[in-house]
Each structure stands twice: as C-alpha cells, then as structure tokens.
Amino acid sequence: MDLNYSTEELTFRDDVRSWLRSNLPAELKQKVESYQELSKDDLLGWHRILAKKGWVAPDWPVEWGGKDWTPLQRHIWREEMQLADVPEPLAFNASMIGPVIAAFGNEEQKKRFEAAKELGISLEDAETRLQQPGEMDAASRDALKEPIESLVAPVERARSILMSGETSQGRLDEVVLSGGGARLPGLGEAIERRLGTKVTVLDPLRAVAATAEVERSLAEYGGSSVLAVAVGLGLRGKE
C-alpha cells in the first residue's frame, strides 16, 4: 500500500500552503501562535478572506458554495490550515447547520439561502453581511426580499389562527421578534407592511444594568435579542 501523496496531490498541497502563507494576516497568525483570544472581527475578517477564495466550507455541496474536492484533498486542506496556524471555520455554521439543511432541509428552509447563491457569495459571507446591515448594499437587500417574504407568511397565518380563536379579542396590537432572526434587515418592516401591526424587537435585558463593555459585546453579536431563548430557559429554571 502506497501512503504517499500522488504528484497531483502534492501540487494541490503546495498550492494550498502557498495561498495560506500569502493571505494570512501576520497579526492574526501571531495571535493564534501565542494562544491569544480572537475577537469577532478577527474571525469575520479571516472568513471574508476564505470566502473570496471559496474555502470557508469546501466539504459543502458544490451548489451551496462547496468545492468538488476528493476526501484526500479536503484532508490536505484542513491539515495545511492547522500547520499554518489559521483559525478554523466556525464549526456550528460550516460543519453542522449548512450541510444538514442542504441535505435534508425542505424547500422553504433552502429558500432562505437563495440570497447567497444569487449574489454569488458563500453562506458564511452572507451571514457576515447580515451582521452588519448598515453596510449592506442594494443588491444584498434586493436578494433578501424573497426570503423575508417567506418568513412573513407564517406570521400572517399565525395571526389568522389567533384572531379566529374563541378567546380572541379581534385584534393584534403588537408582534414581538426575538432571537437571531430578529436582526434580519427589513423583516420588521415587511411584517408591519403586511399585517398593519406594530413590530418591536424583544430586549430580554431591558431592565438589566450592563457595563459599556457588555453592551459593546452584545452589539457585536446582534444585540440582546439573540439571548432571548437563553434568558427564557434560565428563568424557567428559577420557577
């Protein structure tokens, strides 16, 4: 059994190694080598670099931004990433959510990822844009219209069910958004336009005094609304 790399695989390894050496920011490499904590900006900055190369999630299906690599090529890529002291792509997004939705998700779930395909960007880069809505360009906002509409429809159906119930008061005064989806640019406006109802974003820490450092950290991750589920589960434990 020959366990050595073939000529083509050695060429692939050298190409990966060369690209990583040329594109990894020196400051980021130094942080990883010295076991310093990486900031969100560090991780997102590196993800943008990988996304432009198409290397954020090479083991995803090609139609979802992956690479048509062999298992050995994927092994070489990951090995070279480790040898180069670069941050690993976020496992929760790249290794769990994306492949599961691509393989087993229904059409409505997959539609939420059409924006990234339409813009010709990776799903990781699309997530980066969603986290910085103030910098989103017109093309990105246009690409989000259909996914947003697919999210508004279930809200409209839920309102109809509530309004038809025996305990209904015949009106819906307010829709409260929570969790990570609450920061989707344009979602609140779309719901208000369709339902004619006020929309607010839940702030589970509204009555909690936080330091400026904590507030800055929360802002980086989309605000305190992303903690709604965690806070709710924590309060249940206090009952």
Protein backbone atom coordinates (compact mmCIF):
# COMPACT_ATOMS: atom_id res chain seq x y z
CA MET A 1 0.00 0.00 0.00
CA ASP A 2 1.42 3.38 -1.04
CA LEU A 3 0.53 6.04 1.51
CA ASN A 4 2.45 8.81 -0.23
CA TYR A 5 0.67 11.67 -1.96
CA SER A 6 0.41 11.50 -5.72
CA THR A 7 2.00 14.16 -7.91
CA GLU A 8 -1.38 15.90 -8.31
CA GLU A 9 -1.99 15.82 -4.56
CA LEU A 10 1.46 17.25 -3.82
CA THR A 11 0.76 20.07 -6.26
CA PHE A 12 -2.57 20.71 -4.57
CA ARG A 13 -0.88 20.75 -1.15
CA ASP A 14 1.75 23.21 -2.32
CA ASP A 15 -0.91 25.49 -3.79
CA VAL A 16 -2.89 25.48 -0.55
CA ARG A 17 0.23 26.09 1.53
CA SER A 18 1.38 28.94 -0.69
CA TRP A 19 -2.02 30.64 -0.66
CA LEU A 20 -2.31 30.45 3.12
CA ARG A 21 1.16 31.93 3.59
CA SER A 22 0.36 34.77 1.22
CA ASN A 23 -3.10 35.64 2.57
CA LEU A 24 -3.00 35.03 6.32
CA PRO A 25 -2.63 38.39 8.12
CA ALA A 26 0.55 38.43 10.20
CA GLU A 27 -1.27 39.82 13.25
CA LEU A 28 -3.81 37.01 13.14
CA LYS A 29 -1.10 34.37 12.79
CA GLN A 30 0.73 35.83 15.79
CA LYS A 31 -2.44 35.73 17.90
CA VAL A 32 -3.11 32.09 17.07
CA GLU A 33 0.51 31.05 17.69
CA SER A 34 0.53 32.76 21.10
CA TYR A 35 -2.91 31.39 22.08
CA GLN A 36 -4.45 34.86 22.35
CA GLU A 37 -8.21 35.25 22.31
CA LEU A 38 -9.53 36.05 18.86
CA SER A 39 -12.11 38.80 18.53
CA LYS A 40 -15.20 38.58 16.40
CA ASP A 41 -13.53 40.98 13.94
CA ASP A 42 -10.55 38.62 13.72
CA LEU A 43 -12.79 35.67 12.85
CA LEU A 44 -15.01 37.57 10.42
CA GLY A 45 -12.03 39.14 8.71
CA TRP A 46 -10.47 35.74 8.11
CA HIS A 47 -13.81 34.32 6.98
CA ARG A 48 -14.10 37.07 4.38
CA ILE A 49 -10.68 36.14 3.04
CA LEU A 50 -11.60 32.45 2.90
CA ALA A 51 -14.99 33.27 1.34
CA LYS A 52 -13.40 35.14 -1.56
CA LYS A 53 -11.32 32.05 -2.23
CA GLY A 54 -14.32 29.73 -1.76
CA TRP A 55 -12.64 27.89 1.10
CA VAL A 56 -14.98 28.56 4.01
CA ALA A 57 -16.76 25.22 3.70
CA PRO A 58 -15.21 23.17 0.88
CA ASP A 59 -16.98 20.00 2.01
CA TRP A 60 -20.43 21.50 1.37
CA PRO A 61 -22.30 20.54 -1.82
CA VAL A 62 -20.93 22.45 -4.80
CA GLU A 63 -24.30 24.10 -5.47
CA TRP A 64 -24.14 25.63 -1.98
CA GLY A 65 -20.64 27.02 -2.32
CA GLY A 66 -18.56 23.93 -1.63
CA LYS A 67 -15.61 22.56 -3.64
CA ASP A 68 -15.53 19.48 -5.83
CA TRP A 69 -12.59 18.07 -3.87
CA THR A 70 -11.78 14.47 -3.10
CA PRO A 71 -11.77 13.36 0.56
CA LEU A 72 -7.97 13.40 0.46
CA GLN A 73 -7.90 16.95 -0.87
CA ARG A 74 -10.18 18.05 1.96
CA HIS A 75 -7.82 16.32 4.40
CA ILE A 76 -4.84 18.15 2.88
CA TRP A 77 -6.68 21.49 3.09
CA ARG A 78 -7.52 21.00 6.76
CA GLU A 79 -4.01 19.76 7.57
CA GLU A 80 -2.43 22.79 5.90
CA MET A 81 -4.84 25.09 7.75
CA GLN A 82 -3.65 23.62 11.04
CA LEU A 83 0.02 23.80 10.07
CA ALA A 84 -0.37 27.45 9.05
CA ASP A 85 -1.88 28.42 12.43
CA VAL A 86 -5.10 29.81 10.99
CA PRO A 87 -8.50 29.84 12.77
CA GLU A 88 -10.81 27.01 11.89
CA PRO A 89 -14.11 27.98 10.21
CA LEU A 90 -16.88 28.18 12.81
CA ALA A 91 -17.91 24.56 13.24
CA PHE A 92 -21.54 25.25 14.14
CA ASN A 93 -22.19 27.02 10.83
CA ALA A 94 -19.80 25.31 8.45
CA SER A 95 -19.89 21.75 9.73
CA MET A 96 -23.39 21.38 11.19
CA ILE A 97 -26.16 23.70 10.03
CA GLY A 98 -25.22 24.16 6.37
CA PRO A 99 -24.73 20.50 5.37
CA VAL A 100 -27.85 19.39 7.23
CA ILE A 101 -30.09 21.96 5.52
CA ALA A 102 -28.55 21.25 2.12
CA ALA A 103 -29.12 17.50 2.51
CA PHE A 104 -32.37 17.30 4.47
CA GLY A 105 -33.97 20.78 4.52
CA ASN A 106 -37.32 21.42 2.88
CA GLU A 107 -37.72 23.92 0.06
CA GLU A 108 -38.85 26.74 2.36
CA GLN A 109 -35.74 26.33 4.50
CA LYS A 110 -33.49 26.25 1.46
CA LYS A 111 -35.05 29.44 0.11
CA ARG A 112 -33.50 31.30 3.00
CA PHE A 113 -30.11 30.59 1.45
CA GLU A 114 -31.04 31.68 -2.07
CA ALA A 115 -29.81 35.21 -1.36
CA ALA A 116 -26.24 34.00 -1.01
CA LYS A 117 -26.44 31.99 -4.26
CA GLU A 118 -27.98 34.90 -6.15
CA LEU A 119 -25.19 37.23 -5.06
CA GLY A 120 -22.51 34.66 -5.81
CA ILE A 121 -21.16 34.66 -2.25
CA SER A 122 -20.70 31.95 0.33
CA LEU A 123 -23.24 31.41 3.09
CA GLU A 124 -20.64 32.49 5.63
CA ASP A 125 -20.14 35.78 3.79
CA ALA A 126 -23.91 36.22 3.63
CA GLU A 127 -24.03 35.80 7.41
CA THR A 128 -21.34 38.46 7.73
CA ARG A 129 -23.45 40.88 5.72
CA LEU A 130 -26.48 40.19 7.89
CA GLN A 131 -24.45 41.01 10.99
CA GLN A 132 -23.54 44.39 9.51
CA PRO A 133 -26.82 45.63 7.98
CA GLY A 134 -25.65 49.24 7.93
CA GLU A 135 -23.04 48.28 5.33
CA MET A 136 -25.39 46.16 3.20
CA ASP A 137 -25.57 47.23 -0.44
CA ALA A 138 -28.69 47.50 -2.59
CA ALA A 139 -28.05 44.14 -4.29
CA SER A 140 -27.92 42.37 -0.93
CA ARG A 141 -31.17 43.97 0.20
CA ASP A 142 -32.89 43.03 -3.06
CA ALA A 143 -31.72 39.44 -2.70
CA LEU A 144 -33.27 39.28 0.78
CA LYS A 145 -36.77 40.24 -0.39
CA GLU A 146 -37.94 36.73 -1.27
CA PRO A 147 -36.53 35.05 1.88
CA ILE A 148 -38.11 37.77 4.02
CA GLU A 149 -41.48 37.28 2.36
CA SER A 150 -41.24 33.54 3.07
CA LEU A 151 -40.83 34.39 6.78
CA VAL A 152 -43.69 36.89 6.84
CA ALA A 153 -46.24 34.38 5.53
CA PRO A 154 -46.11 32.09 8.64
CA VAL A 155 -46.55 35.15 10.87
CA GLU A 156 -49.62 36.13 8.87
CA ARG A 157 -51.05 32.60 9.20
CA ALA A 158 -50.42 32.63 12.94
CA ARG A 159 -52.29 35.91 13.26
CA SER A 160 -55.27 34.46 11.40
CA ILE A 161 -55.36 31.49 13.78
CA LEU A 162 -55.14 33.74 16.84
CA MET A 163 -57.82 36.09 15.55
CA SER A 164 -60.23 33.21 14.91
CA GLY A 165 -59.88 31.62 18.34
CA GLU A 166 -62.63 31.66 20.91
CA THR A 167 -60.58 33.80 23.29
CA SER A 168 -59.55 36.27 20.62
CA GLN A 169 -60.23 39.96 21.22
CA GLY A 170 -60.47 40.55 17.50
CA ARG A 171 -57.22 42.44 17.17
CA LEU A 172 -53.45 42.02 17.32
CA ASP A 173 -51.73 45.01 18.91
CA GLU A 174 -48.10 44.08 18.51
CA VAL A 175 -45.71 41.50 17.06
CA VAL A 176 -42.53 40.90 19.07
CA LEU A 177 -39.46 39.48 17.33
CA SER A 178 -36.73 37.67 19.23
CA GLY A 179 -33.66 35.55 18.66
CA GLY A 180 -31.10 35.81 15.87
CA GLY A 181 -33.77 36.20 13.18
CA ALA A 182 -34.90 39.48 14.72
CA ARG A 183 -31.85 41.20 13.22
CA LEU A 184 -32.70 40.24 9.64
CA PRO A 185 -32.72 43.60 7.83
CA GLY A 186 -36.19 44.51 6.60
CA LEU A 187 -38.10 41.74 8.39
CA GLY A 188 -39.84 44.01 10.89
CA GLU A 189 -40.81 46.50 8.19
CA ALA A 190 -42.19 43.70 5.99
CA ILE A 191 -44.36 42.36 8.82
CA GLU A 192 -45.66 45.84 9.64
CA ARG A 193 -46.48 46.45 5.99
CA ARG A 194 -48.30 43.13 5.53
CA LEU A 195 -50.15 43.00 8.86
CA GLY A 196 -50.53 46.69 9.62
CA THR A 197 -49.35 45.90 13.14
CA LYS A 198 -46.61 47.41 15.27
CA VAL A 199 -43.41 45.32 15.37
CA THR A 200 -40.79 45.53 18.10
CA VAL A 201 -37.65 43.54 18.93
CA LEU A 202 -37.60 41.84 22.31
CA ASP A 203 -34.91 43.07 24.69
CA PRO A 204 -34.65 40.47 27.48
CA LEU A 205 -32.07 42.62 29.27
CA ARG A 206 -34.05 45.86 29.16
CA ALA A 207 -34.25 46.10 32.95
CA VAL A 208 -30.66 44.94 33.50
CA ALA A 209 -27.90 47.49 34.04
CA ALA A 210 -24.95 46.46 31.87
CA THR A 211 -21.48 47.92 31.61
CA ALA A 212 -20.37 49.66 28.44
CA GLU A 213 -18.09 46.70 27.66
CA VAL A 214 -21.00 44.24 27.88
CA GLU A 215 -23.18 46.47 25.69
CA ARG A 216 -20.43 46.66 23.07
CA SER A 217 -20.06 42.88 23.08
CA LEU A 218 -23.81 42.39 22.70
CA ALA A 219 -23.90 44.88 19.83
CA GLU A 220 -21.23 42.88 18.01
CA TYR A 221 -23.45 39.80 18.07
CA GLY A 222 -26.70 41.48 17.02
CA GLY A 223 -27.96 42.89 20.32
CA SER A 224 -29.51 41.33 23.40
CA SER A 225 -32.41 39.86 21.39
CA VAL A 226 -30.16 36.92 20.48
CA LEU A 227 -30.19 35.97 24.18
CA ALA A 228 -33.98 35.72 24.40
CA VAL A 229 -34.11 31.92 24.37
CA ALA A 230 -31.20 31.54 26.79
CA VAL A 231 -32.72 34.05 29.23
CA GLY A 232 -36.12 32.37 28.96
CA LEU A 233 -34.67 28.94 29.71
CA GLY A 234 -32.73 30.40 32.62
CA LEU A 235 -35.89 31.94 34.09
CA ARG A 236 -37.72 28.62 33.76
CA GLY A 237 -35.05 27.10 35.94
CA LYS A 238 -35.89 29.65 38.65
CA GLU A 239 -39.57 28.66 38.84
